[in-house]
Amino acid sequence: MRIRPKTGAELAKMRESGRIVGEILAEMARLIRPGVTALELDTWAEAHTRKRGAKPSFKGYHGFPKSLCISVNEEVVHGIPGPRALQEGDIVTIDCGALLDGWHGDAARTFAVGKVDAESAELMRVCEGSLNAGIEQMRSGQRLADVSRAVEQFVKRESAFTVVRQYVGHGIGRALHEEPQVPNYFEPGFPFGDLVLEPGHVFAIEPMVNAGSHDVRVLDDMWTVVTADGRRSAHYEHTVAVTASGPEIMTAP
């Protein structure tokens, strides 16, 4: 199955939605501190999104109740913002999406709350590095499997951490989640692995890396995913386009 590349006009639209996401994540770096609640961060992000004429991609998506996914410490993805206050030494992932003029942007970043322990700092470094390794493979003529392989190999080379296998990256455009799935690990025969990348392909690359086992479970709220062993997890994501001159990060601040 061929994945249709976006046109120049469509990419221009996605740059605008991506810019809003980048703005929000950049502001999170200033707002995140001990004592701030996840709900306060979510309220600010929704107000900023709507002020820019966009809608939060996540709010109402399959019933998700908030604008951001905010996941703390052992929470991997899809945490629901609430009154919990962040504490010194926490790590917190902000996953943000914006819909503008029918086109989505999607990105995530893990932040340190004050001073964190050495393992948490290294976990964040390795996860962000694996995202950058995957982005580097988003070039015309490469195969989608090259992206997946690069993410996994970076994590294995740099650490004893593990890549989450149950949740993967994805195509993005008019829908928040489009084909193809983009695993953060290499497995022969994975659907779309042989897809040859072309200018105009746009994917959300999003490694999730655990300090311990890659196994996860879903809490009773049916959304929040946590590590099975209770150890910490980091998550970084960008919406990335393949261009004739190389990868373009559309959600950069």
C-alpha atoms as a PDB file:
ATOM      1  CA  MET A   1       0.000   0.000   0.000  1.00  0.00           C
ATOM      2  CA  ARG A   2       1.369   3.416  -0.962  1.00  0.00           C
ATOM      3  CA  ILE A   3       1.106   6.284   1.487  1.00  0.00           C
ATOM      4  CA  ARG A   4       0.181   9.454  -0.406  1.00  0.00           C
ATOM      5  CA  PRO A   5       2.631  12.284   0.203  1.00  0.00           C
ATOM      6  CA  LYS A   6       1.213  15.659   1.239  1.00  0.00           C
ATOM      7  CA  THR A   7       1.248  18.443  -1.317  1.00  0.00           C
ATOM      8  CA  GLY A   8       3.133  21.699  -0.827  1.00  0.00           C
ATOM      9  CA  ALA A   9      -0.082  23.476   0.164  1.00  0.00           C
ATOM     10  CA  GLU A  10      -0.921  20.757   2.665  1.00  0.00           C
ATOM     11  CA  LEU A  11       2.538  20.905   4.205  1.00  0.00           C
ATOM     12  CA  ALA A  12       2.141  24.658   4.619  1.00  0.00           C
ATOM     13  CA  LYS A  13      -1.063  24.052   6.603  1.00  0.00           C
ATOM     14  CA  MET A  14       0.672  21.478   8.785  1.00  0.00           C
ATOM     15  CA  ARG A  15       3.498  23.888   9.535  1.00  0.00           C
ATOM     16  CA  GLU A  16       0.945  26.250  11.074  1.00  0.00           C
ATOM     17  CA  SER A  17      -0.628  23.623  13.333  1.00  0.00           C
ATOM     18  CA  GLY A  18       2.825  22.331  14.194  1.00  0.00           C
ATOM     19  CA  ARG A  19       3.992  25.813  15.146  1.00  0.00           C
ATOM     20  CA  ILE A  20       1.200  26.077  17.730  1.00  0.00           C
ATOM     21  CA  VAL A  21       2.238  22.779  19.295  1.00  0.00           C
ATOM     22  CA  GLY A  22       5.848  23.941  19.378  1.00  0.00           C
ATOM     23  CA  GLU A  23       4.829  27.182  21.092  1.00  0.00           C
ATOM     24  CA  ILE A  24       2.937  25.307  23.790  1.00  0.00           C
ATOM     25  CA  LEU A  25       5.767  22.901  24.569  1.00  0.00           C
ATOM     26  CA  ALA A  26       8.245  25.781  24.694  1.00  0.00           C
ATOM     27  CA  GLU A  27       6.032  27.579  27.213  1.00  0.00           C
ATOM     28  CA  MET A  28       5.703  24.393  29.295  1.00  0.00           C
ATOM     29  CA  ALA A  29       9.445  24.621  29.973  1.00  0.00           C
ATOM     30  CA  ARG A  30       8.748  27.925  31.756  1.00  0.00           C
ATOM     31  CA  LEU A  31       5.526  26.917  33.505  1.00  0.00           C
ATOM     32  CA  ILE A  32       6.597  23.533  34.883  1.00  0.00           C
ATOM     33  CA  ARG A  33       7.833  23.830  38.460  1.00  0.00           C
ATOM     34  CA  PRO A  34       7.162  22.211  41.846  1.00  0.00           C
ATOM     35  CA  GLY A  35       3.618  22.947  43.005  1.00  0.00           C
ATOM     36  CA  VAL A  36       1.997  23.531  39.604  1.00  0.00           C
ATOM     37  CA  THR A  37      -0.826  21.129  38.816  1.00  0.00           C
ATOM     38  CA  ALA A  38      -1.376  19.172  35.633  1.00  0.00           C
ATOM     39  CA  LEU A  39      -4.799  20.785  35.353  1.00  0.00           C
ATOM     40  CA  GLU A  40      -3.273  24.283  35.405  1.00  0.00           C
ATOM     41  CA  LEU A  41      -0.940  23.321  32.568  1.00  0.00           C
ATOM     42  CA  ASP A  42      -3.836  21.862  30.592  1.00  0.00           C
ATOM     43  CA  THR A  43      -5.973  24.984  31.110  1.00  0.00           C
ATOM     44  CA  TRP A  44      -3.171  27.241  29.852  1.00  0.00           C
ATOM     45  CA  ALA A  45      -2.537  25.053  26.804  1.00  0.00           C
ATOM     46  CA  GLU A  46      -6.186  24.944  25.769  1.00  0.00           C
ATOM     47  CA  ALA A  47      -6.535  28.713  26.117  1.00  0.00           C
ATOM     48  CA  HIS A  48      -3.408  29.287  23.995  1.00  0.00           C
ATOM     49  CA  THR A  49      -4.553  26.818  21.341  1.00  0.00           C
ATOM     50  CA  ARG A  50      -7.945  28.487  20.988  1.00  0.00           C
ATOM     51  CA  LYS A  51      -6.417  31.969  21.039  1.00  0.00           C
ATOM     52  CA  ARG A  52      -4.415  30.939  17.967  1.00  0.00           C
ATOM     53  CA  GLY A  53      -7.635  29.909  16.219  1.00  0.00           C
ATOM     54  CA  ALA A  54      -7.032  26.174  16.598  1.00  0.00           C
ATOM     55  CA  LYS A  55      -8.627  23.334  18.559  1.00  0.00           C
ATOM     56  CA  PRO A  56      -6.905  20.853  20.885  1.00  0.00           C
ATOM     57  CA  SER A  57      -6.525  17.632  18.886  1.00  0.00           C
ATOM     58  CA  PHE A  58      -6.899  15.391  21.919  1.00  0.00           C
ATOM     59  CA  LYS A  59      -9.957  16.863  23.630  1.00  0.00           C
ATOM     60  CA  GLY A  60     -12.896  14.575  22.886  1.00  0.00           C
ATOM     61  CA  TYR A  61     -10.735  12.199  20.821  1.00  0.00           C
ATOM     62  CA  HIS A  62     -12.328   8.802  21.509  1.00  0.00           C
ATOM     63  CA  GLY A  63     -13.694  10.458  24.640  1.00  0.00           C
ATOM     64  CA  PHE A  64     -10.418  11.796  26.059  1.00  0.00           C
ATOM     65  CA  PRO A  65     -11.502  14.556  28.467  1.00  0.00           C
ATOM     66  CA  LYS A  66      -8.627  17.062  28.354  1.00  0.00           C
ATOM     67  CA  SER A  67      -6.454  19.007  25.914  1.00  0.00           C
ATOM     68  CA  LEU A  68      -3.042  17.626  26.914  1.00  0.00           C
ATOM     69  CA  CYS A  69      -1.862  14.185  27.879  1.00  0.00           C
ATOM     70  CA  ILE A  70       0.257  14.687  31.004  1.00  0.00           C
ATOM     71  CA  SER A  71       2.155  11.661  32.303  1.00  0.00           C
ATOM     72  CA  VAL A  72       4.282  11.756  35.474  1.00  0.00           C
ATOM     73  CA  ASN A  73       7.164   9.448  36.448  1.00  0.00           C
ATOM     74  CA  GLU A  74       6.007   5.841  35.855  1.00  0.00           C
ATOM     75  CA  GLU A  75       3.153   7.018  33.623  1.00  0.00           C
ATOM     76  CA  VAL A  76       4.129   6.353  30.011  1.00  0.00           C
ATOM     77  CA  VAL A  77       1.403   8.014  27.925  1.00  0.00           C
ATOM     78  CA  HIS A  78      -2.210   9.243  27.984  1.00  0.00           C
ATOM     79  CA  GLY A  79      -2.224  10.594  31.531  1.00  0.00           C
ATOM     80  CA  ILE A  80      -5.347  12.677  32.247  1.00  0.00           C
ATOM     81  CA  PRO A  81      -4.557  16.131  33.717  1.00  0.00           C
ATOM     82  CA  GLY A  82      -6.007  16.605  37.183  1.00  0.00           C
ATOM     83  CA  PRO A  83      -5.307  18.345  40.519  1.00  0.00           C
ATOM     84  CA  ARG A  84      -2.083  16.455  41.214  1.00  0.00           C
ATOM     85  CA  ALA A  85       0.721  18.927  41.953  1.00  0.00           C
ATOM     86  CA  LEU A  86       4.151  18.265  40.481  1.00  0.00           C
ATOM     87  CA  GLN A  87       6.928  17.627  42.985  1.00  0.00           C
ATOM     88  CA  GLU A  88      10.630  18.395  42.978  1.00  0.00           C
ATOM     89  CA  GLY A  89      12.412  15.498  41.295  1.00  0.00           C
ATOM     90  CA  ASP A  90       9.461  14.359  39.149  1.00  0.00           C
ATOM     91  CA  ILE A  91       9.709  13.937  35.415  1.00  0.00           C
ATOM     92  CA  VAL A  92       6.612  14.870  33.440  1.00  0.00           C
ATOM     93  CA  THR A  93       5.723  14.246  29.811  1.00  0.00           C
ATOM     94  CA  ILE A  94       3.529  16.764  28.002  1.00  0.00           C
ATOM     95  CA  ASP A  95       1.917  15.397  24.829  1.00  0.00           C
ATOM     96  CA  CYS A  96       0.173  18.094  22.795  1.00  0.00           C
ATOM     97  CA  GLY A  97      -1.851  18.218  19.584  1.00  0.00           C
ATOM     98  CA  ALA A  98      -3.444  21.109  17.684  1.00  0.00           C
ATOM     99  CA  LEU A  99      -5.964  21.100  14.836  1.00  0.00           C
ATOM    100  CA  LEU A 100      -5.922  24.163  12.586  1.00  0.00           C
ATOM    101  CA  ASP A 101      -7.856  24.496   9.319  1.00  0.00           C
ATOM    102  CA  GLY A 102      -8.348  20.738   9.204  1.00  0.00           C
ATOM    103  CA  TRP A 103      -4.710  19.738   9.786  1.00  0.00           C
ATOM    104  CA  HIS A 104      -3.069  18.301  12.901  1.00  0.00           C
ATOM    105  CA  GLY A 105       0.276  18.776  14.624  1.00  0.00           C
ATOM    106  CA  ASP A 106       1.447  16.446  17.409  1.00  0.00           C
ATOM    107  CA  ALA A 107       4.515  16.463  19.660  1.00  0.00           C
ATOM    108  CA  ALA A 108       5.641  15.466  23.145  1.00  0.00           C
ATOM    109  CA  ARG A 109       8.514  16.208  25.480  1.00  0.00           C
ATOM    110  CA  THR A 110       9.579  15.008  28.910  1.00  0.00           C
ATOM    111  CA  PHE A 111      10.547  17.738  31.385  1.00  0.00           C
ATOM    112  CA  ALA A 112      12.452  17.645  34.661  1.00  0.00           C
ATOM    113  CA  VAL A 113      10.677  19.221  37.627  1.00  0.00           C
ATOM    114  CA  GLY A 114      13.497  20.948  39.427  1.00  0.00           C
ATOM    115  CA  LYS A 115      16.529  18.715  40.029  1.00  0.00           C
ATOM    116  CA  VAL A 116      16.056  15.043  39.111  1.00  0.00           C
ATOM    117  CA  ASP A 117      18.137  11.969  39.904  1.00  0.00           C
ATOM    118  CA  ALA A 118      20.879  10.794  37.561  1.00  0.00           C
ATOM    119  CA  GLU A 119      18.904   7.872  36.140  1.00  0.00           C
ATOM    120  CA  SER A 120      15.958  10.098  35.232  1.00  0.00           C
ATOM    121  CA  ALA A 121      18.244  12.619  33.556  1.00  0.00           C
ATOM    122  CA  GLU A 122      19.912   9.841  31.569  1.00  0.00           C
ATOM    123  CA  LEU A 123      16.529   8.342  30.640  1.00  0.00           C
ATOM    124  CA  MET A 124      15.453  11.676  29.202  1.00  0.00           C
ATOM    125  CA  ARG A 125      18.729  12.087  27.323  1.00  0.00           C
ATOM    126  CA  VAL A 126      18.525   8.643  25.763  1.00  0.00           C
ATOM    127  CA  CYS A 127      14.881   8.984  24.776  1.00  0.00           C
ATOM    128  CA  GLU A 128      15.403  12.364  23.130  1.00  0.00           C
ATOM    129  CA  GLY A 129      18.516  11.053  21.411  1.00  0.00           C
ATOM    130  CA  SER A 130      16.577   8.099  20.021  1.00  0.00           C
ATOM    131  CA  LEU A 131      13.980  10.481  18.591  1.00  0.00           C
ATOM    132  CA  ASN A 132      16.726  12.481  16.891  1.00  0.00           C
ATOM    133  CA  ALA A 133      18.231   9.271  15.506  1.00  0.00           C
ATOM    134  CA  GLY A 134      14.872   8.332  14.019  1.00  0.00           C
ATOM    135  CA  ILE A 135      14.339  11.802  12.570  1.00  0.00           C
ATOM    136  CA  GLU A 136      17.736  11.622  10.865  1.00  0.00           C
ATOM    137  CA  GLN A 137      16.430   8.655   8.826  1.00  0.00           C
ATOM    138  CA  MET A 138      13.410  10.629   7.551  1.00  0.00           C
ATOM    139  CA  ARG A 139      15.017  11.170   4.162  1.00  0.00           C
ATOM    140  CA  SER A 140      13.846  10.480   0.635  1.00  0.00           C
ATOM    141  CA  GLY A 141      14.836   6.973  -0.451  1.00  0.00           C
ATOM    142  CA  GLN A 142      15.136   5.564   3.062  1.00  0.00           C
ATOM    143  CA  ARG A 143      12.677   2.919   4.226  1.00  0.00           C
ATOM    144  CA  LEU A 144      10.324   3.278   7.154  1.00  0.00           C
ATOM    145  CA  ALA A 145      12.097   0.361   8.837  1.00  0.00           C
ATOM    146  CA  ASP A 146      15.258   2.489   8.888  1.00  0.00           C
ATOM    147  CA  VAL A 147      13.488   4.942  11.202  1.00  0.00           C
ATOM    148  CA  SER A 148      12.380   2.186  13.559  1.00  0.00           C
ATOM    149  CA  ARG A 149      15.783   0.513  13.550  1.00  0.00           C
ATOM    150  CA  ALA A 150      17.610   3.766  14.296  1.00  0.00           C
ATOM    151  CA  VAL A 151      15.442   4.504  17.347  1.00  0.00           C
ATOM    152  CA  GLU A 152      15.930   1.064  18.849  1.00  0.00           C
ATOM    153  CA  GLN A 153      19.639   0.866  18.077  1.00  0.00           C
ATOM    154  CA  PHE A 154      20.307   4.219  19.742  1.00  0.00           C
ATOM    155  CA  VAL A 155      18.618   3.096  22.964  1.00  0.00           C
ATOM    156  CA  LYS A 156      20.473  -0.229  22.998  1.00  0.00           C
ATOM    157  CA  ARG A 157      23.802   1.392  22.225  1.00  0.00           C
ATOM    158  CA  GLU A 158      23.505   4.114  24.852  1.00  0.00           C
ATOM    159  CA  SER A 159      21.833   2.330  27.761  1.00  0.00           C
ATOM    160  CA  ALA A 160      20.199  -0.693  29.375  1.00  0.00           C
ATOM    161  CA  PHE A 161      16.801   1.016  29.009  1.00  0.00           C
ATOM    162  CA  THR A 162      13.997  -0.538  26.961  1.00  0.00           C
ATOM    163  CA  VAL A 163      11.749   0.698  24.150  1.00  0.00           C
ATOM    164  CA  VAL A 164       7.989   0.429  24.674  1.00  0.00           C
ATOM    165  CA  ARG A 165       6.558  -1.880  22.024  1.00  0.00           C
ATOM    166  CA  GLN A 166       2.808  -1.587  22.628  1.00  0.00           C
ATOM    167  CA  TYR A 167       2.575   2.058  21.477  1.00  0.00           C
ATOM    168  CA  VAL A 168       4.077   3.420  18.269  1.00  0.00           C
ATOM    169  CA  GLY A 169       4.349   6.493  16.080  1.00  0.00           C
ATOM    170  CA  HIS A 170       1.985   7.171  13.213  1.00  0.00           C
ATOM    171  CA  GLY A 171       1.110   9.033  10.091  1.00  0.00           C
ATOM    172  CA  ILE A 172      -0.602  12.364  10.626  1.00  0.00           C
ATOM    173  CA  GLY A 173      -2.460  14.932   8.551  1.00  0.00           C
ATOM    174  CA  ARG A 174      -6.192  15.507   8.302  1.00  0.00           C
ATOM    175  CA  ALA A 175      -6.554  12.739  10.887  1.00  0.00           C
ATOM    176  CA  LEU A 176      -4.562  12.705  14.107  1.00  0.00           C
ATOM    177  CA  HIS A 177      -3.619   9.076  13.494  1.00  0.00           C
ATOM    178  CA  GLU A 178      -3.149   7.906   9.908  1.00  0.00           C
ATOM    179  CA  GLU A 179      -1.352   4.990   8.338  1.00  0.00           C
ATOM    180  CA  PRO A 180       1.372   3.931   8.606  1.00  0.00           C
ATOM    181  CA  GLN A 181       2.223   2.866  12.121  1.00  0.00           C
ATOM    182  CA  VAL A 182       5.840   3.737  12.955  1.00  0.00           C
ATOM    183  CA  PRO A 183       7.262   1.291  15.526  1.00  0.00           C
ATOM    184  CA  ASN A 184      10.155   2.344  17.720  1.00  0.00           C
ATOM    185  CA  TYR A 185      11.802  -1.047  17.250  1.00  0.00           C
ATOM    186  CA  PHE A 186      12.732  -3.136  14.229  1.00  0.00           C
ATOM    187  CA  GLU A 187      10.931  -6.359  13.456  1.00  0.00           C
ATOM    188  CA  PRO A 188      11.164  -8.061  10.052  1.00  0.00           C
ATOM    189  CA  GLY A 189       7.871  -8.154   8.207  1.00  0.00           C
ATOM    190  CA  PHE A 190       6.261  -5.313  10.141  1.00  0.00           C
ATOM    191  CA  PRO A 191       3.533  -3.650   8.010  1.00  0.00           C
ATOM    192  CA  PHE A 192       4.885  -0.731   5.949  1.00  0.00           C
ATOM    193  CA  GLY A 193       8.458  -1.475   6.995  1.00  0.00           C
ATOM    194  CA  ASP A 194       9.493  -1.561   3.334  1.00  0.00           C
ATOM    195  CA  LEU A 195       7.760   1.738   2.577  1.00  0.00           C
ATOM    196  CA  VAL A 196      10.175   3.958   0.657  1.00  0.00           C
ATOM    197  CA  LEU A 197      10.055   7.499   2.013  1.00  0.00           C
ATOM    198  CA  GLU A 198       9.185  10.301  -0.422  1.00  0.00           C
ATOM    199  CA  PRO A 199       9.107  14.092  -0.127  1.00  0.00           C
ATOM    200  CA  GLY A 200       5.752  14.976   1.397  1.00  0.00           C
ATOM    201  CA  HIS A 201       5.493  12.004   3.750  1.00  0.00           C
ATOM    202  CA  VAL A 202       4.690  13.244   7.255  1.00  0.00           C
ATOM    203  CA  PHE A 203       4.932  11.029  10.327  1.00  0.00           C
ATOM    204  CA  ALA A 204       4.795  11.550  14.080  1.00  0.00           C
ATOM    205  CA  ILE A 205       7.915   9.847  15.425  1.00  0.00           C
ATOM    206  CA  GLU A 206       7.515   9.168  19.155  1.00  0.00           C
ATOM    207  CA  PRO A 207       9.762   6.826  21.112  1.00  0.00           C
ATOM    208  CA  MET A 208       8.745   5.902  24.643  1.00  0.00           C
ATOM    209  CA  VAL A 209      11.645   4.544  26.697  1.00  0.00           C
ATOM    210  CA  ASN A 210      11.393   2.828  30.084  1.00  0.00           C
ATOM    211  CA  ALA A 211      14.066   2.651  32.758  1.00  0.00           C
ATOM    212  CA  GLY A 212      13.147  -0.990  33.413  1.00  0.00           C
ATOM    213  CA  SER A 213      11.031  -3.505  31.517  1.00  0.00           C
ATOM    214  CA  HIS A 214       9.261  -2.476  28.313  1.00  0.00           C
ATOM    215  CA  ASP A 215       6.019  -3.980  29.670  1.00  0.00           C
ATOM    216  CA  VAL A 216       3.153  -1.592  30.436  1.00  0.00           C
ATOM    217  CA  ARG A 217      -0.411  -1.729  31.723  1.00  0.00           C
ATOM    218  CA  VAL A 218      -3.473   0.539  31.553  1.00  0.00           C
ATOM    219  CA  LEU A 219      -5.016   1.953  34.732  1.00  0.00           C
ATOM    220  CA  ASP A 220      -8.686   1.734  35.655  1.00  0.00           C
ATOM    221  CA  ASP A 221      -9.392   5.120  34.048  1.00  0.00           C
ATOM    222  CA  MET A 222      -8.900   3.225  30.738  1.00  0.00           C
ATOM    223  CA  TRP A 223      -6.447   5.876  29.509  1.00  0.00           C
ATOM    224  CA  THR A 224      -3.331   6.202  31.650  1.00  0.00           C
ATOM    225  CA  VAL A 225      -0.573   3.780  30.627  1.00  0.00           C
ATOM    226  CA  VAL A 226       2.055   3.008  33.288  1.00  0.00           C
ATOM    227  CA  THR A 227       5.169   0.863  33.403  1.00  0.00           C
ATOM    228  CA  ALA A 228       4.416  -2.624  34.702  1.00  0.00           C
ATOM    229  CA  ASP A 229       7.353  -2.513  37.123  1.00  0.00           C
ATOM    230  CA  GLY A 230       6.710   1.007  38.418  1.00  0.00           C
ATOM    231  CA  ARG A 231       9.969   2.452  37.093  1.00  0.00           C
ATOM    232  CA  ARG A 232      10.075   5.730  35.197  1.00  0.00           C
ATOM    233  CA  SER A 233       9.411   6.370  31.524  1.00  0.00           C
ATOM    234  CA  ALA A 234      10.255   9.177  29.084  1.00  0.00           C
ATOM    235  CA  HIS A 235       8.523  10.125  25.822  1.00  0.00           C
ATOM    236  CA  TYR A 236       9.615  12.485  23.052  1.00  0.00           C
ATOM    237  CA  GLU A 237       7.766  13.168  19.794  1.00  0.00           C
ATOM    238  CA  HIS A 238       7.861  15.442  16.763  1.00  0.00           C
ATOM    239  CA  THR A 239       5.780  15.686  13.615  1.00  0.00           C
ATOM    240  CA  VAL A 240       8.362  15.330  10.836  1.00  0.00           C
ATOM    241  CA  ALA A 241       8.094  15.794   7.071  1.00  0.00           C
ATOM    242  CA  VAL A 242      10.341  14.269   4.453  1.00  0.00           C
ATOM    243  CA  THR A 243      11.591  16.983   2.068  1.00  0.00           C
ATOM    244  CA  ALA A 244      13.974  17.017  -0.884  1.00  0.00           C
ATOM    245  CA  SER A 245      16.618  18.576   1.377  1.00  0.00           C
ATOM    246  CA  GLY A 246      16.101  16.303   4.391  1.00  0.00           C
ATOM    247  CA  PRO A 247      13.806  15.960   7.399  1.00  0.00           C
ATOM    248  CA  GLU A 248      11.760  18.972   8.491  1.00  0.00           C
ATOM    249  CA  ILE A 249      10.569  19.097  12.111  1.00  0.00           C
ATOM    250  CA  MET A 250       7.156  20.714  11.865  1.00  0.00           C
ATOM    251  CA  THR A 251       6.579  21.001  15.628  1.00  0.00           C
ATOM    252  CA  ALA A 252       9.855  22.685  16.522  1.00  0.00           C
ATOM    253  CA  PRO A 253       9.397  25.692  18.829  1.00  0.00           C
END
